[in-house]
Structure formats: structure tokens, C-alpha cells
Amino acid sequence: MSLLPIRSRTLHFVSTMDKVCVDDLIKGLKADYGNERQFTKTNFSNHLLNLEANGLLDEVNYDLDKDGQLRVYYKINDEGINTVNRYLPKKWRIIKK
């Protein structure tokens, strides 16, 4: 299976869930990307922040995890869906909203 660049795959993964935090990404993408050096919580947090800053994700909620660390949740918005459908290969496109 051909893998997408990690940021593109992050955007696609968010599109498959109602809301996602960085821990969800780590868990959901570990099988495909877990052996890569860039597979870190810090990098995934940065991917989410970048996708939000570029208008592709919206922050929807936040809470504290069991260790008292802030956990921010995101969901894909219409621009994010349009981006997935415009730029990702056909097999990764989504029909939603």
C-alpha cells in the first residue's frame, strides 16, 4: 500500500472521525507510520495546528487527559473536505457533509 505524506494522511484521518486529538492520531496511524522518525506526538500536534491555521480544521473541544495535560480536539471543515477531494489520490477522497 502506498502511503500519503504524513500531513495529508493526518487531514484524511481527521475526516474519518467526529473529532480527533493528537492521541487519537498516534493510535490510529501507528500501524502505517509508527516506524518513521517523524512519528512523534510533538510533530502530530504541529500538523494539527498547521492544518487549523490553514483553515482546514476547526478546534471543537478541549479537556485534560489523565495526567492533567491539555488535550485539544479538532474536526475537519468544508475547506478541509474540499482539499482532501481536490488534492489526494482518488482512493483517499471522501464524500461527506
N, C-alpha and C. Protein backbone atom coordinates (compact mmCIF):
# COMPACT_ATOMS: atom_id res chain seq x y z
N MET A 1 0.84 -1.19 0.00
CA MET A 1 0.00 0.00 0.00
C MET A 1 0.88 1.24 0.00
N SER A 2 0.58 2.16 -0.86
CA SER A 2 1.30 3.42 -0.95
C SER A 2 0.81 4.38 0.13
N LEU A 3 1.75 4.96 0.87
CA LEU A 3 1.38 5.87 1.94
C LEU A 3 1.36 7.31 1.45
N LEU A 4 0.46 8.08 2.03
CA LEU A 4 0.41 9.52 1.77
C LEU A 4 1.45 10.23 2.62
N PRO A 5 1.85 11.44 2.22
CA PRO A 5 2.65 12.25 3.14
C PRO A 5 1.90 12.38 4.47
N ILE A 6 2.62 12.43 5.56
CA ILE A 6 2.00 12.34 6.88
C ILE A 6 0.98 13.45 7.14
N ARG A 7 1.24 14.67 6.68
CA ARG A 7 0.27 15.75 6.92
C ARG A 7 -1.01 15.51 6.13
N SER A 8 -0.88 15.03 4.90
CA SER A 8 -2.07 14.71 4.10
C SER A 8 -2.85 13.58 4.75
N ARG A 9 -2.14 12.58 5.25
CA ARG A 9 -2.81 11.45 5.91
C ARG A 9 -3.47 11.90 7.21
N THR A 10 -2.84 12.86 7.90
CA THR A 10 -3.44 13.42 9.11
C THR A 10 -4.77 14.07 8.79
N LEU A 11 -4.80 14.89 7.74
CA LEU A 11 -6.04 15.54 7.34
C LEU A 11 -7.09 14.50 6.97
N HIS A 12 -6.69 13.49 6.21
CA HIS A 12 -7.64 12.44 5.84
C HIS A 12 -8.16 11.70 7.08
N PHE A 13 -7.27 11.37 8.01
CA PHE A 13 -7.68 10.66 9.22
C PHE A 13 -8.72 11.46 10.00
N VAL A 14 -8.49 12.75 10.13
CA VAL A 14 -9.45 13.60 10.84
C VAL A 14 -10.82 13.54 10.16
N SER A 15 -10.82 13.41 8.84
CA SER A 15 -12.09 13.36 8.10
C SER A 15 -12.90 12.11 8.40
N THR A 16 -12.26 11.09 8.96
CA THR A 16 -12.95 9.83 9.23
C THR A 16 -13.56 9.77 10.63
N MET A 17 -13.35 10.81 11.42
CA MET A 17 -13.79 10.81 12.81
C MET A 17 -14.65 12.05 13.07
N ASP A 18 -15.49 11.99 14.12
CA ASP A 18 -16.27 13.16 14.51
C ASP A 18 -15.37 14.25 15.08
N LYS A 19 -14.42 13.84 15.90
CA LYS A 19 -13.42 14.76 16.44
C LYS A 19 -12.18 13.95 16.80
N VAL A 20 -11.02 14.62 16.76
CA VAL A 20 -9.75 13.93 16.93
C VAL A 20 -8.81 14.78 17.77
N CYS A 21 -8.10 14.13 18.69
CA CYS A 21 -7.00 14.78 19.40
C CYS A 21 -5.70 14.10 18.95
N VAL A 22 -4.58 14.64 19.37
CA VAL A 22 -3.29 14.10 18.93
C VAL A 22 -3.13 12.63 19.36
N ASP A 23 -3.65 12.26 20.51
CA ASP A 23 -3.54 10.87 20.96
C ASP A 23 -4.31 9.93 20.02
N ASP A 24 -5.45 10.39 19.49
CA ASP A 24 -6.21 9.59 18.53
C ASP A 24 -5.40 9.37 17.26
N LEU A 25 -4.71 10.42 16.81
CA LEU A 25 -3.87 10.30 15.62
C LEU A 25 -2.75 9.28 15.81
N ILE A 26 -2.08 9.39 16.94
CA ILE A 26 -0.98 8.47 17.24
C ILE A 26 -1.49 7.02 17.20
N LYS A 27 -2.60 6.80 17.84
CA LYS A 27 -3.17 5.46 17.91
C LYS A 27 -3.63 4.97 16.52
N GLY A 28 -4.29 5.86 15.79
CA GLY A 28 -4.86 5.47 14.50
C GLY A 28 -3.86 5.30 13.38
N LEU A 29 -2.74 6.00 13.45
CA LEU A 29 -1.78 5.95 12.35
C LEU A 29 -0.51 5.17 12.66
N LYS A 30 -0.43 4.63 13.86
CA LYS A 30 0.77 3.92 14.28
C LYS A 30 1.11 2.74 13.37
N ALA A 31 0.13 1.98 12.96
CA ALA A 31 0.40 0.80 12.13
C ALA A 31 1.09 1.18 10.81
N ASP A 32 0.72 2.31 10.23
CA ASP A 32 1.30 2.71 8.94
C ASP A 32 2.56 3.56 9.08
N TYR A 33 2.61 4.42 10.08
CA TYR A 33 3.69 5.41 10.16
C TYR A 33 4.56 5.27 11.42
N GLY A 34 4.25 4.33 12.27
CA GLY A 34 4.91 4.21 13.56
C GLY A 34 6.40 4.02 13.54
N ASN A 35 6.96 3.52 12.45
CA ASN A 35 8.40 3.29 12.37
C ASN A 35 9.18 4.48 11.82
N GLU A 36 8.47 5.54 11.45
CA GLU A 36 9.14 6.72 10.92
C GLU A 36 9.63 7.62 12.05
N ARG A 37 10.76 8.26 11.81
CA ARG A 37 11.33 9.17 12.83
C ARG A 37 10.40 10.32 13.16
N GLN A 38 9.65 10.77 12.18
CA GLN A 38 8.77 11.92 12.40
C GLN A 38 7.49 11.54 13.17
N PHE A 39 7.34 10.29 13.51
CA PHE A 39 6.14 9.83 14.22
C PHE A 39 6.28 10.15 15.71
N THR A 40 6.03 11.42 16.05
CA THR A 40 6.10 11.86 17.44
C THR A 40 4.87 12.67 17.78
N LYS A 41 4.55 12.72 19.04
CA LYS A 41 3.40 13.49 19.49
C LYS A 41 3.59 14.98 19.16
N THR A 42 4.79 15.47 19.32
CA THR A 42 5.07 16.88 19.01
C THR A 42 4.82 17.17 17.54
N ASN A 43 5.29 16.30 16.65
CA ASN A 43 5.06 16.51 15.22
C ASN A 43 3.59 16.46 14.87
N PHE A 44 2.85 15.52 15.45
CA PHE A 44 1.42 15.45 15.16
C PHE A 44 0.68 16.67 15.72
N SER A 45 1.08 17.16 16.87
CA SER A 45 0.49 18.39 17.40
C SER A 45 0.73 19.54 16.43
N ASN A 46 1.94 19.61 15.90
CA ASN A 46 2.26 20.66 14.93
C ASN A 46 1.46 20.51 13.64
N HIS A 47 1.26 19.28 13.19
CA HIS A 47 0.44 19.06 11.99
C HIS A 47 -0.98 19.57 12.22
N LEU A 48 -1.56 19.23 13.36
CA LEU A 48 -2.92 19.69 13.66
C LEU A 48 -3.00 21.22 13.72
N LEU A 49 -2.03 21.83 14.39
CA LEU A 49 -2.02 23.30 14.49
C LEU A 49 -1.87 23.93 13.12
N ASN A 50 -1.01 23.37 12.28
CA ASN A 50 -0.81 23.89 10.93
C ASN A 50 -2.07 23.76 10.09
N LEU A 51 -2.71 22.61 10.16
CA LEU A 51 -3.94 22.40 9.40
C LEU A 51 -5.04 23.34 9.88
N GLU A 52 -5.09 23.61 11.18
CA GLU A 52 -6.07 24.58 11.69
C GLU A 52 -5.72 25.98 11.20
N ALA A 53 -4.45 26.36 11.28
CA ALA A 53 -4.02 27.69 10.85
C ALA A 53 -4.29 27.93 9.37
N ASN A 54 -4.27 26.86 8.58
CA ASN A 54 -4.54 26.97 7.15
C ASN A 54 -6.03 26.84 6.82
N GLY A 55 -6.87 26.81 7.84
CA GLY A 55 -8.31 26.82 7.63
C GLY A 55 -8.92 25.51 7.20
N LEU A 56 -8.23 24.39 7.48
CA LEU A 56 -8.73 23.08 7.07
C LEU A 56 -9.37 22.30 8.21
N LEU A 57 -9.06 22.67 9.44
CA LEU A 57 -9.63 22.05 10.64
C LEU A 57 -10.17 23.13 11.54
N ASP A 58 -11.14 22.75 12.37
CA ASP A 58 -11.67 23.64 13.41
C ASP A 58 -11.46 23.00 14.77
N GLU A 59 -11.07 23.80 15.74
CA GLU A 59 -10.99 23.32 17.12
C GLU A 59 -12.42 23.22 17.64
N VAL A 60 -12.77 22.07 18.23
CA VAL A 60 -14.15 21.88 18.66
C VAL A 60 -14.31 21.66 20.15
N ASN A 61 -13.23 21.26 20.82
CA ASN A 61 -13.36 20.94 22.23
C ASN A 61 -11.96 20.81 22.82
N TYR A 62 -11.91 20.83 24.14
CA TYR A 62 -10.65 20.55 24.83
C TYR A 62 -10.97 20.02 26.21
N ASP A 63 -10.02 19.29 26.77
CA ASP A 63 -10.14 18.78 28.13
C ASP A 63 -8.75 18.46 28.64
N LEU A 64 -8.68 17.84 29.80
CA LEU A 64 -7.41 17.40 30.36
C LEU A 64 -7.36 15.89 30.34
N ASP A 65 -6.21 15.33 29.98
CA ASP A 65 -6.07 13.88 29.98
C ASP A 65 -5.84 13.39 31.41
N LYS A 66 -5.62 12.10 31.59
CA LYS A 66 -5.47 11.53 32.93
C LYS A 66 -4.25 12.07 33.67
N ASP A 67 -3.28 12.63 32.91
CA ASP A 67 -2.08 13.20 33.52
C ASP A 67 -2.18 14.71 33.71
N GLY A 68 -3.35 15.26 33.43
CA GLY A 68 -3.55 16.69 33.59
C GLY A 68 -3.03 17.53 32.44
N GLN A 69 -2.72 16.90 31.31
CA GLN A 69 -2.22 17.61 30.14
C GLN A 69 -3.40 18.04 29.25
N LEU A 70 -3.30 19.24 28.71
CA LEU A 70 -4.34 19.75 27.82
C LEU A 70 -4.44 18.88 26.57
N ARG A 71 -5.68 18.55 26.21
CA ARG A 71 -5.95 17.76 25.02
C ARG A 71 -6.95 18.55 24.18
N VAL A 72 -6.56 18.90 22.98
CA VAL A 72 -7.41 19.71 22.10
C VAL A 72 -7.97 18.80 21.00
N TYR A 73 -9.25 18.96 20.72
CA TYR A 73 -9.93 18.16 19.70
C TYR A 73 -10.25 19.02 18.48
N TYR A 74 -10.11 18.41 17.31
CA TYR A 74 -10.35 19.09 16.04
C TYR A 74 -11.32 18.27 15.19
N LYS A 75 -11.97 18.96 14.25
CA LYS A 75 -12.76 18.28 13.23
C LYS A 75 -12.47 18.95 11.90
N ILE A 76 -12.66 18.20 10.85
CA ILE A 76 -12.45 18.75 9.52
C ILE A 76 -13.62 19.66 9.17
N ASN A 77 -13.34 20.71 8.43
CA ASN A 77 -14.41 21.61 7.99
C ASN A 77 -14.59 21.45 6.47
N ASP A 78 -15.48 22.24 5.89
CA ASP A 78 -15.77 22.11 4.46
C ASP A 78 -14.53 22.36 3.60
N GLU A 79 -13.71 23.33 3.98
CA GLU A 79 -12.49 23.60 3.20
C GLU A 79 -11.53 22.41 3.28
N GLY A 80 -11.46 21.77 4.44
CA GLY A 80 -10.63 20.58 4.58
C GLY A 80 -11.12 19.44 3.71
N ILE A 81 -12.42 19.24 3.68
CA ILE A 81 -13.01 18.20 2.83
C ILE A 81 -12.72 18.50 1.37
N ASN A 82 -12.90 19.75 0.98
CA ASN A 82 -12.61 20.14 -0.41
C ASN A 82 -11.14 19.89 -0.75
N THR A 83 -10.26 20.16 0.18
CA THR A 83 -8.83 19.96 -0.04
C THR A 83 -8.50 18.48 -0.22
N VAL A 84 -9.07 17.64 0.64
CA VAL A 84 -8.87 16.19 0.50
C VAL A 84 -9.34 15.74 -0.87
N ASN A 85 -10.52 16.16 -1.25
CA ASN A 85 -11.09 15.71 -2.52
C ASN A 85 -10.38 16.30 -3.74
N ARG A 86 -9.75 17.44 -3.58
CA ARG A 86 -9.08 18.10 -4.70
C ARG A 86 -7.65 17.58 -4.90
N TYR A 87 -6.94 17.31 -3.80
CA TYR A 87 -5.51 17.06 -3.91
C TYR A 87 -5.04 15.64 -3.61
N LEU A 88 -5.85 14.86 -2.94
CA LEU A 88 -5.41 13.50 -2.63
C LEU A 88 -5.81 12.54 -3.75
N PRO A 89 -5.08 11.44 -3.90
CA PRO A 89 -5.44 10.45 -4.92
C PRO A 89 -6.88 9.97 -4.74
N LYS A 90 -7.45 9.53 -5.82
CA LYS A 90 -8.88 9.16 -5.85
C LYS A 90 -9.29 8.21 -4.73
N LYS A 91 -8.46 7.22 -4.42
CA LYS A 91 -8.86 6.25 -3.39
C LYS A 91 -8.95 6.86 -1.99
N TRP A 92 -8.39 8.05 -1.78
CA TRP A 92 -8.43 8.71 -0.48
C TRP A 92 -9.53 9.76 -0.38
N ARG A 93 -10.21 10.03 -1.45
CA ARG A 93 -11.24 11.08 -1.45
C ARG A 93 -12.41 10.67 -0.57
N ILE A 94 -13.13 11.67 -0.12
CA ILE A 94 -14.25 11.42 0.80
C ILE A 94 -15.52 12.08 0.28
N ILE A 95 -16.62 11.48 0.63
CA ILE A 95 -17.93 12.07 0.36
C ILE A 95 -18.56 12.29 1.72
N LYS A 96 -18.68 13.54 2.11
CA LYS A 96 -19.15 13.83 3.45
C LYS A 96 -19.69 15.24 3.49
N LYS A 97 -20.65 15.44 4.33
CA LYS A 97 -21.24 16.76 4.60
C LYS A 97 -21.79 17.34 3.34
